[in-house]
Structure formats: structure tokens, C-alpha cells
Amino acid sequence: MEVSIQWMEYVLSLHKDKDPCIVIGIAAPYYPAVNNSDLENYQETLGFIENLSRESKEKFDLGIEVQNYFTGICDLSYGMFTESDETIEYIENNMILWGTDYEIPLQLIKEMSMPVFNIGAWGKDLHKYTERVLKEDLFHRIPHLLDYSIRYFLKD
């Protein structure tokens, strides 16, 4: 990100007019927005969620909450890309440093797009020094549910 800002500042320094202006640029890192409902096999994804919820209820007497959240920046962003080829071309042509210092294989991600799920422990103070998680989730529930999920998708 810092190198993108430095590059924009450098390009702006070449501009003779010193009046205030607005600089627009797509700066790295780029996180594609993801949403399972964008996939063709969304109904199959819903089936998995139902099965995972049932497993969690039977094994731990614990329900699962499905939550849509801000999808702009996510660890799962590189699991799918459902935008058009024109969007890929637009990103490649407009992102600072694309192809030299930064790039993402968007076409490959598009070809391999898959459902994404963030299955994790209940916690507090995410990304703070006081962050903590429930040990029962971390050591028992989540490992079981991850194992169940992997086996579910590899069954075929």
C-alpha cells in the first residue's frame, strides 16, 4: 500500500499545476468482494450450511448463525472472483504497479471460484492486543466442524 501512495505522490509531483486536486487510483492490496450467492451452485452451498448446522446442533447442541458481513476486505477474498473479464481488464489497466510489483491471478481465481466459509471460534476484541477466543471452540468445536466441512466437500 505504501509503495502505491509513494507512486501517486511521485506522479503528482510531475504535475505543474499546484492547485488542490483529487487523485483517483486503485491501490494494492486489492481484495475482491465475495458472496456465495454469486456462485452458480449457490443452492448446493445452502445445502452444506444446513448440514453443517445440523452437525453442530447434534454434536455440540449449538446453532450456527449465518451472517453476511462487509465483503470488501476479507481473508476469503481470493477463493472466488465472479466479475466479468471486462472487470479484470479494468483492474489490470487501472491498478497502480499492476504487472510489475503487484498482481493477482484473477482469471485463475475466476476459473476456480468456490464457496467460501469463515468458520471460527467465538471471540472478543478482534485484531486488538486483548483479542481472545473461547477455548472450547478453539480446541474442540472448530476442529470438528472444519474436519466435517472438508469431508463434506471431498465426498465426491
N, C-alpha and C. Protein backbone atom coordinates (compact mmCIF):
# COMPACT_ATOMS: atom_id res chain seq x y z
N MET A 1 0.83 -1.18 0.00
CA MET A 1 0.00 0.00 0.00
C MET A 1 0.88 1.25 0.00
N GLU A 2 1.91 1.26 0.82
CA GLU A 2 2.78 2.43 0.94
C GLU A 2 3.43 2.77 -0.40
N VAL A 3 3.86 1.73 -1.14
CA VAL A 3 4.51 1.99 -2.42
C VAL A 3 3.52 2.61 -3.41
N SER A 4 2.26 2.25 -3.33
CA SER A 4 1.23 2.85 -4.20
C SER A 4 1.07 4.33 -3.89
N ILE A 5 1.05 4.67 -2.62
CA ILE A 5 0.93 6.07 -2.23
C ILE A 5 2.15 6.86 -2.69
N GLN A 6 3.33 6.27 -2.51
CA GLN A 6 4.55 6.94 -2.97
C GLN A 6 4.52 7.16 -4.48
N TRP A 7 4.03 6.18 -5.21
CA TRP A 7 3.95 6.30 -6.67
C TRP A 7 2.98 7.42 -7.05
N MET A 8 1.83 7.50 -6.38
CA MET A 8 0.87 8.57 -6.68
C MET A 8 1.48 9.94 -6.36
N GLU A 9 2.19 10.04 -5.24
CA GLU A 9 2.84 11.30 -4.87
C GLU A 9 3.88 11.69 -5.92
N TYR A 10 4.63 10.70 -6.40
CA TYR A 10 5.65 10.98 -7.42
C TYR A 10 4.99 11.51 -8.70
N VAL A 11 3.95 10.82 -9.17
CA VAL A 11 3.27 11.25 -10.39
C VAL A 11 2.69 12.64 -10.20
N LEU A 12 2.11 12.91 -9.05
CA LEU A 12 1.55 14.22 -8.75
C LEU A 12 2.63 15.30 -8.72
N SER A 13 3.82 14.95 -8.27
CA SER A 13 4.91 15.93 -8.22
C SER A 13 5.33 16.38 -9.63
N LEU A 14 5.06 15.58 -10.63
CA LEU A 14 5.39 15.93 -12.01
C LEU A 14 4.37 16.90 -12.61
N HIS A 15 3.25 17.04 -11.96
CA HIS A 15 2.18 17.92 -12.43
C HIS A 15 2.54 19.36 -12.09
N LYS A 16 2.54 20.23 -13.08
CA LYS A 16 2.98 21.62 -12.89
C LYS A 16 2.00 22.44 -12.07
N ASP A 17 0.72 22.20 -12.27
CA ASP A 17 -0.31 22.97 -11.56
C ASP A 17 -0.33 22.53 -10.10
N LYS A 18 -0.13 23.45 -9.18
CA LYS A 18 -0.05 23.14 -7.75
C LYS A 18 -1.36 23.44 -7.00
N ASP A 19 -2.42 23.74 -7.76
CA ASP A 19 -3.72 23.92 -7.12
C ASP A 19 -4.20 22.59 -6.54
N PRO A 20 -5.07 22.65 -5.56
CA PRO A 20 -5.61 21.40 -5.00
C PRO A 20 -6.27 20.57 -6.08
N CYS A 21 -6.13 19.27 -5.96
CA CYS A 21 -6.74 18.37 -6.94
C CYS A 21 -7.08 17.05 -6.26
N ILE A 22 -7.78 16.23 -6.98
CA ILE A 22 -8.15 14.91 -6.48
C ILE A 22 -7.44 13.88 -7.35
N VAL A 23 -6.79 12.92 -6.69
CA VAL A 23 -6.12 11.83 -7.41
C VAL A 23 -6.91 10.56 -7.15
N ILE A 24 -7.28 9.89 -8.21
CA ILE A 24 -8.03 8.65 -8.09
C ILE A 24 -7.15 7.52 -8.62
N GLY A 25 -7.03 6.48 -7.83
CA GLY A 25 -6.25 5.33 -8.26
C GLY A 25 -6.67 4.10 -7.48
N ILE A 26 -6.50 2.94 -8.08
CA ILE A 26 -6.75 1.69 -7.38
C ILE A 26 -5.41 1.25 -6.82
N ALA A 27 -5.34 1.19 -5.50
CA ALA A 27 -4.07 0.86 -4.85
C ALA A 27 -4.12 -0.54 -4.25
N ALA A 28 -3.01 -1.21 -4.32
CA ALA A 28 -2.89 -2.54 -3.72
C ALA A 28 -2.86 -2.41 -2.20
N PRO A 29 -3.25 -3.41 -1.47
CA PRO A 29 -3.73 -4.69 -1.97
C PRO A 29 -5.20 -4.63 -2.36
N TYR A 30 -5.55 -5.40 -3.37
CA TYR A 30 -6.92 -5.48 -3.84
C TYR A 30 -7.56 -6.74 -3.28
N TYR A 31 -8.70 -6.60 -2.64
CA TYR A 31 -9.45 -7.74 -2.11
C TYR A 31 -10.77 -7.82 -2.86
N PRO A 32 -10.94 -8.81 -3.74
CA PRO A 32 -12.22 -8.94 -4.42
C PRO A 32 -13.36 -9.17 -3.42
N ALA A 33 -14.48 -8.53 -3.64
CA ALA A 33 -15.66 -8.78 -2.80
C ALA A 33 -16.17 -10.18 -3.08
N VAL A 34 -16.55 -10.90 -2.03
CA VAL A 34 -17.04 -12.27 -2.20
C VAL A 34 -18.41 -12.43 -1.57
N ASN A 35 -19.22 -13.23 -2.23
CA ASN A 35 -20.52 -13.58 -1.68
C ASN A 35 -20.94 -14.88 -2.34
N ASN A 36 -21.20 -15.90 -1.54
CA ASN A 36 -21.55 -17.21 -2.09
C ASN A 36 -22.76 -17.16 -3.00
N SER A 37 -23.65 -16.22 -2.78
CA SER A 37 -24.86 -16.14 -3.62
C SER A 37 -24.51 -15.77 -5.07
N ASP A 38 -23.29 -15.33 -5.32
CA ASP A 38 -22.87 -15.02 -6.69
C ASP A 38 -22.47 -16.27 -7.48
N LEU A 39 -22.32 -17.39 -6.81
CA LEU A 39 -21.90 -18.62 -7.47
C LEU A 39 -23.09 -19.34 -8.11
N GLU A 40 -22.81 -20.04 -9.22
CA GLU A 40 -23.86 -20.79 -9.91
C GLU A 40 -24.42 -21.90 -9.03
N ASN A 41 -23.58 -22.50 -8.19
CA ASN A 41 -24.01 -23.63 -7.36
C ASN A 41 -24.42 -23.19 -5.95
N TYR A 42 -25.05 -22.04 -5.88
CA TYR A 42 -25.43 -21.47 -4.58
C TYR A 42 -26.36 -22.40 -3.80
N GLN A 43 -27.27 -23.08 -4.48
CA GLN A 43 -28.20 -23.98 -3.79
C GLN A 43 -27.45 -25.11 -3.09
N GLU A 44 -26.39 -25.61 -3.73
CA GLU A 44 -25.56 -26.64 -3.10
C GLU A 44 -24.88 -26.07 -1.85
N THR A 45 -24.47 -24.84 -1.92
CA THR A 45 -23.84 -24.17 -0.78
C THR A 45 -24.83 -24.08 0.39
N LEU A 46 -26.07 -23.74 0.09
CA LEU A 46 -27.09 -23.69 1.13
C LEU A 46 -27.29 -25.06 1.76
N GLY A 47 -27.21 -26.11 0.94
CA GLY A 47 -27.32 -27.46 1.46
C GLY A 47 -26.20 -27.78 2.44
N PHE A 48 -25.00 -27.35 2.11
CA PHE A 48 -23.88 -27.57 3.04
C PHE A 48 -24.13 -26.85 4.37
N ILE A 49 -24.58 -25.62 4.29
CA ILE A 49 -24.82 -24.84 5.52
C ILE A 49 -25.86 -25.54 6.39
N GLU A 50 -26.91 -26.05 5.77
CA GLU A 50 -27.93 -26.79 6.53
C GLU A 50 -27.32 -28.02 7.20
N ASN A 51 -26.50 -28.76 6.46
CA ASN A 51 -25.87 -29.95 7.03
C ASN A 51 -24.89 -29.60 8.15
N LEU A 52 -24.12 -28.55 7.96
CA LEU A 52 -23.18 -28.13 8.99
C LEU A 52 -23.93 -27.68 10.25
N SER A 53 -25.01 -26.97 10.06
CA SER A 53 -25.83 -26.54 11.20
C SER A 53 -26.38 -27.76 11.96
N ARG A 54 -26.85 -28.74 11.22
CA ARG A 54 -27.38 -29.95 11.83
C ARG A 54 -26.29 -30.68 12.62
N GLU A 55 -25.11 -30.78 12.03
CA GLU A 55 -23.97 -31.43 12.70
C GLU A 55 -23.60 -30.71 13.99
N SER A 56 -23.56 -29.39 13.94
CA SER A 56 -23.21 -28.61 15.11
C SER A 56 -24.26 -28.77 16.21
N LYS A 57 -25.51 -28.81 15.81
CA LYS A 57 -26.60 -28.97 16.79
C LYS A 57 -26.54 -30.35 17.44
N GLU A 58 -26.33 -31.39 16.62
CA GLU A 58 -26.30 -32.75 17.14
C GLU A 58 -25.08 -33.00 18.03
N LYS A 59 -23.93 -32.51 17.59
CA LYS A 59 -22.67 -32.80 18.30
C LYS A 59 -22.46 -31.91 19.52
N PHE A 60 -22.81 -30.63 19.39
CA PHE A 60 -22.48 -29.67 20.45
C PHE A 60 -23.70 -28.95 21.04
N ASP A 61 -24.89 -29.28 20.53
CA ASP A 61 -26.10 -28.57 20.93
C ASP A 61 -25.94 -27.06 20.74
N LEU A 62 -25.36 -26.73 19.60
CA LEU A 62 -25.02 -25.34 19.31
C LEU A 62 -25.50 -24.99 17.90
N GLY A 63 -26.28 -23.93 17.78
CA GLY A 63 -26.72 -23.48 16.46
C GLY A 63 -25.63 -22.71 15.75
N ILE A 64 -25.77 -22.61 14.45
CA ILE A 64 -24.82 -21.84 13.64
C ILE A 64 -25.56 -20.64 13.08
N GLU A 65 -24.93 -19.50 13.16
CA GLU A 65 -25.51 -18.27 12.64
C GLU A 65 -24.82 -17.92 11.34
N VAL A 66 -25.59 -17.78 10.29
CA VAL A 66 -25.05 -17.36 9.01
C VAL A 66 -25.18 -15.84 8.95
N GLN A 67 -24.07 -15.19 8.67
CA GLN A 67 -24.03 -13.74 8.71
C GLN A 67 -23.36 -13.21 7.46
N ASN A 68 -24.02 -12.32 6.76
CA ASN A 68 -23.33 -11.60 5.70
C ASN A 68 -22.67 -10.41 6.37
N TYR A 69 -21.45 -10.16 6.03
CA TYR A 69 -20.70 -9.08 6.65
C TYR A 69 -20.04 -8.28 5.56
N PHE A 70 -19.36 -7.22 5.93
CA PHE A 70 -18.68 -6.39 4.95
C PHE A 70 -17.75 -7.26 4.12
N THR A 71 -18.00 -7.33 2.83
CA THR A 71 -17.25 -8.26 1.98
C THR A 71 -16.14 -7.58 1.18
N GLY A 72 -15.79 -6.37 1.53
CA GLY A 72 -14.76 -5.66 0.77
C GLY A 72 -13.36 -6.13 1.09
N ILE A 73 -13.09 -6.42 2.34
CA ILE A 73 -11.77 -6.87 2.74
C ILE A 73 -11.96 -8.13 3.56
N CYS A 74 -11.46 -9.22 3.04
CA CYS A 74 -11.71 -10.50 3.70
C CYS A 74 -10.59 -11.48 3.38
N ASP A 75 -10.25 -12.30 4.35
CA ASP A 75 -9.25 -13.34 4.12
C ASP A 75 -9.71 -14.31 3.04
N LEU A 76 -10.99 -14.40 2.82
CA LEU A 76 -11.55 -15.35 1.86
C LEU A 76 -11.69 -14.76 0.46
N SER A 77 -11.27 -13.51 0.28
CA SER A 77 -11.46 -12.82 -0.99
C SER A 77 -10.82 -13.53 -2.18
N TYR A 78 -9.80 -14.30 -1.94
CA TYR A 78 -9.09 -14.93 -3.05
C TYR A 78 -9.61 -16.33 -3.34
N GLY A 79 -10.77 -16.70 -2.76
CA GLY A 79 -11.38 -18.00 -3.03
C GLY A 79 -12.35 -17.97 -4.19
N MET A 80 -12.76 -16.78 -4.58
CA MET A 80 -13.68 -16.67 -5.71
C MET A 80 -13.54 -15.30 -6.36
N PHE A 81 -13.88 -15.26 -7.63
CA PHE A 81 -13.97 -13.99 -8.37
C PHE A 81 -15.03 -14.20 -9.42
N THR A 82 -16.13 -13.51 -9.30
CA THR A 82 -17.27 -13.75 -10.19
C THR A 82 -17.53 -12.59 -11.15
N GLU A 83 -16.63 -11.66 -11.20
CA GLU A 83 -16.82 -10.50 -12.08
C GLU A 83 -16.49 -10.87 -13.52
N SER A 84 -16.82 -9.99 -14.44
CA SER A 84 -16.62 -10.23 -15.87
C SER A 84 -15.14 -10.08 -16.25
N ASP A 85 -14.83 -10.58 -17.44
CA ASP A 85 -13.47 -10.40 -17.98
C ASP A 85 -13.17 -8.92 -18.18
N GLU A 86 -14.20 -8.13 -18.48
CA GLU A 86 -14.01 -6.70 -18.65
C GLU A 86 -13.57 -6.06 -17.33
N THR A 87 -14.10 -6.55 -16.22
CA THR A 87 -13.70 -6.04 -14.90
C THR A 87 -12.24 -6.37 -14.63
N ILE A 88 -11.85 -7.58 -14.98
CA ILE A 88 -10.44 -7.98 -14.81
C ILE A 88 -9.55 -7.05 -15.61
N GLU A 89 -9.91 -6.80 -16.85
CA GLU A 89 -9.13 -5.90 -17.70
C GLU A 89 -9.08 -4.49 -17.11
N TYR A 90 -10.21 -4.03 -16.59
CA TYR A 90 -10.25 -2.70 -15.98
C TYR A 90 -9.29 -2.61 -14.80
N ILE A 91 -9.31 -3.62 -13.94
CA ILE A 91 -8.42 -3.64 -12.78
C ILE A 91 -6.97 -3.65 -13.23
N GLU A 92 -6.65 -4.51 -14.17
CA GLU A 92 -5.27 -4.60 -14.66
C GLU A 92 -4.79 -3.29 -15.26
N ASN A 93 -5.67 -2.59 -15.95
CA ASN A 93 -5.28 -1.33 -16.61
C ASN A 93 -5.27 -0.12 -15.68
N ASN A 94 -5.87 -0.25 -14.51
CA ASN A 94 -6.01 0.92 -13.65
C ASN A 94 -5.36 0.79 -12.28
N MET A 95 -4.88 -0.39 -11.94
CA MET A 95 -4.26 -0.53 -10.63
C MET A 95 -2.78 -0.15 -10.71
N ILE A 96 -2.40 0.70 -9.79
CA ILE A 96 -1.01 1.15 -9.73
C ILE A 96 -0.10 -0.04 -9.50
N LEU A 97 0.99 -0.10 -10.24
CA LEU A 97 2.04 -1.12 -10.14
C LEU A 97 1.62 -2.51 -10.61
N TRP A 98 0.44 -2.63 -11.24
CA TRP A 98 -0.01 -3.94 -11.71
C TRP A 98 0.97 -4.48 -12.75
N GLY A 99 1.37 -5.71 -12.56
CA GLY A 99 2.23 -6.37 -13.52
C GLY A 99 3.71 -6.19 -13.26
N THR A 100 4.07 -5.23 -12.42
CA THR A 100 5.49 -5.06 -12.10
C THR A 100 5.77 -5.44 -10.65
N ASP A 101 5.07 -4.78 -9.73
CA ASP A 101 5.28 -5.04 -8.31
C ASP A 101 4.09 -5.72 -7.65
N TYR A 102 2.98 -5.83 -8.37
CA TYR A 102 1.78 -6.37 -7.75
C TYR A 102 0.85 -6.93 -8.80
N GLU A 103 0.31 -8.12 -8.54
CA GLU A 103 -0.77 -8.65 -9.36
C GLU A 103 -1.40 -9.84 -8.66
N ILE A 104 -2.60 -10.14 -9.06
CA ILE A 104 -3.37 -11.25 -8.53
C ILE A 104 -3.85 -12.06 -9.73
N PRO A 105 -3.78 -13.37 -9.69
CA PRO A 105 -4.24 -14.18 -10.83
C PRO A 105 -5.77 -14.24 -10.89
N LEU A 106 -6.39 -13.11 -11.21
CA LEU A 106 -7.85 -13.02 -11.16
C LEU A 106 -8.54 -14.00 -12.11
N GLN A 107 -7.97 -14.20 -13.29
CA GLN A 107 -8.59 -15.14 -14.24
C GLN A 107 -8.56 -16.55 -13.68
N LEU A 108 -7.47 -16.95 -13.07
CA LEU A 108 -7.36 -18.27 -12.45
C LEU A 108 -8.35 -18.41 -11.28
N ILE A 109 -8.43 -17.39 -10.45
CA ILE A 109 -9.38 -17.42 -9.33
C ILE A 109 -10.80 -17.53 -9.87
N LYS A 110 -11.09 -16.82 -10.96
CA LYS A 110 -12.42 -16.88 -11.56
C LYS A 110 -12.73 -18.29 -12.03
N GLU A 111 -11.77 -18.94 -12.66
CA GLU A 111 -11.97 -20.30 -13.15
C GLU A 111 -12.16 -21.30 -12.00
N MET A 112 -11.52 -21.06 -10.88
CA MET A 112 -11.56 -21.99 -9.76
C MET A 112 -12.52 -21.55 -8.66
N SER A 113 -13.30 -20.53 -8.88
CA SER A 113 -14.17 -19.99 -7.84
C SER A 113 -14.92 -21.08 -7.10
N MET A 114 -14.93 -20.95 -5.79
CA MET A 114 -15.56 -21.94 -4.94
C MET A 114 -16.26 -21.25 -3.79
N PRO A 115 -17.19 -21.94 -3.14
CA PRO A 115 -17.83 -21.34 -1.96
C PRO A 115 -16.79 -21.05 -0.88
N VAL A 116 -17.02 -20.00 -0.13
CA VAL A 116 -16.10 -19.66 0.96
C VAL A 116 -16.89 -19.55 2.26
N PHE A 117 -16.27 -20.02 3.32
CA PHE A 117 -16.91 -20.02 4.63
C PHE A 117 -15.87 -19.63 5.66
N ASN A 118 -16.24 -18.78 6.54
CA ASN A 118 -15.36 -18.38 7.63
C ASN A 118 -15.89 -19.06 8.90
N ILE A 119 -15.31 -20.21 9.22
CA ILE A 119 -15.74 -20.98 10.37
C ILE A 119 -14.70 -20.75 11.45
N GLY A 120 -15.10 -20.09 12.51
CA GLY A 120 -14.11 -19.77 13.53
C GLY A 120 -14.69 -19.74 14.92
N ALA A 121 -13.78 -19.62 15.85
CA ALA A 121 -14.13 -19.61 17.27
C ALA A 121 -14.82 -18.31 17.65
N TRP A 122 -15.69 -18.40 18.66
CA TRP A 122 -16.30 -17.21 19.22
C TRP A 122 -15.22 -16.44 19.96
N GLY A 123 -15.17 -15.14 19.75
CA GLY A 123 -14.13 -14.35 20.40
C GLY A 123 -14.55 -12.93 20.65
N LYS A 124 -13.64 -12.19 21.22
CA LYS A 124 -13.85 -10.77 21.51
C LYS A 124 -12.60 -9.98 21.12
N ASP A 125 -12.80 -8.72 20.86
CA ASP A 125 -11.71 -7.77 20.59
C ASP A 125 -10.85 -8.19 19.40
N LEU A 126 -11.51 -8.51 18.30
CA LEU A 126 -10.82 -8.95 17.09
C LEU A 126 -9.73 -7.96 16.67
N HIS A 127 -8.55 -8.45 16.41
CA HIS A 127 -7.39 -7.68 15.94
C HIS A 127 -6.89 -6.64 16.95
N LYS A 128 -7.14 -6.86 18.22
CA LYS A 128 -6.62 -5.99 19.27
C LYS A 128 -5.71 -6.82 20.17
N TYR A 129 -4.89 -6.17 20.95
CA TYR A 129 -3.99 -6.93 21.82
C TYR A 129 -4.75 -7.70 22.90
N THR A 130 -6.00 -7.33 23.11
CA THR A 130 -6.83 -8.03 24.09
C THR A 130 -7.67 -9.14 23.46
N GLU A 131 -7.41 -9.43 22.16
CA GLU A 131 -8.20 -10.45 21.47
C GLU A 131 -8.11 -11.78 22.20
N ARG A 132 -9.26 -12.46 22.29
CA ARG A 132 -9.29 -13.76 22.91
C ARG A 132 -10.42 -14.58 22.29
N VAL A 133 -10.30 -15.90 22.40
CA VAL A 133 -11.31 -16.81 21.85
C VAL A 133 -11.71 -17.82 22.92
N LEU A 134 -12.87 -18.40 22.72
CA LEU A 134 -13.38 -19.42 23.63
C LEU A 134 -12.60 -20.72 23.41
N LYS A 135 -11.94 -21.22 24.45
CA LYS A 135 -11.11 -22.41 24.32
C LYS A 135 -11.88 -23.63 23.83
N GLU A 136 -13.09 -23.78 24.29
CA GLU A 136 -13.92 -24.92 23.85
C GLU A 136 -14.09 -24.91 22.33
N ASP A 137 -14.30 -23.72 21.78
CA ASP A 137 -14.40 -23.59 20.32
C ASP A 137 -13.07 -23.91 19.66
N LEU A 138 -12.03 -23.31 20.15
CA LEU A 138 -10.70 -23.41 19.54
C LEU A 138 -10.17 -24.85 19.51
N PHE A 139 -10.35 -25.57 20.60
CA PHE A 139 -9.75 -26.89 20.72
C PHE A 139 -10.69 -28.04 20.38
N HIS A 140 -12.00 -27.82 20.37
CA HIS A 140 -12.92 -28.93 20.16
C HIS A 140 -13.92 -28.69 19.04
N ARG A 141 -14.72 -27.65 19.17
CA ARG A 141 -15.81 -27.45 18.21
C ARG A 141 -15.31 -27.13 16.80
N ILE A 142 -14.45 -26.14 16.69
CA ILE A 142 -14.00 -25.71 15.36
C ILE A 142 -13.19 -26.80 14.65
N PRO A 143 -12.24 -27.48 15.30
CA PRO A 143 -11.56 -28.57 14.59
C PRO A 143 -12.54 -29.63 14.06
N HIS A 144 -13.55 -29.95 14.85
CA HIS A 144 -14.53 -30.94 14.40
C HIS A 144 -15.31 -30.41 13.20
N LEU A 145 -15.78 -29.16 13.28
CA LEU A 145 -16.58 -28.61 12.19
C LEU A 145 -15.76 -28.40 10.92
N LEU A 146 -14.49 -28.08 11.07
CA LEU A 146 -13.61 -27.96 9.88
C LEU A 146 -13.40 -29.33 9.25
N ASP A 147 -13.15 -30.33 10.07
CA ASP A 147 -12.99 -31.70 9.56
C ASP A 147 -14.27 -32.14 8.85
N TYR A 148 -15.41 -31.87 9.45
CA TYR A 148 -16.69 -32.21 8.84
C TYR A 148 -16.83 -31.51 7.48
N SER A 149 -16.47 -30.23 7.43
CA SER A 149 -16.61 -29.44 6.19
C SER A 149 -15.72 -29.99 5.10
N ILE A 150 -14.49 -30.28 5.42
CA ILE A 150 -13.56 -30.82 4.41
C ILE A 150 -14.07 -32.14 3.88
N ARG A 151 -14.49 -33.03 4.78
CA ARG A 151 -15.01 -34.34 4.36
C ARG A 151 -16.29 -34.17 3.52
N TYR A 152 -17.12 -33.20 3.86
CA TYR A 152 -18.34 -32.96 3.12
C TYR A 152 -18.03 -32.63 1.66
N PHE A 153 -17.09 -31.73 1.45
CA PHE A 153 -16.80 -31.30 0.07
C PHE A 153 -15.93 -32.29 -0.69
N LEU A 154 -15.22 -33.16 0.01
CA LEU A 154 -14.37 -34.14 -0.67
C LEU A 154 -15.09 -35.48 -0.87
N LYS A 155 -16.34 -35.57 -0.44
CA LYS A 155 -17.05 -36.85 -0.51
C LYS A 155 -17.21 -37.37 -1.93
N ASP A 156 -17.25 -36.49 -2.90
CA ASP A 156 -17.39 -36.90 -4.28
C ASP A 156 -16.04 -37.24 -4.84
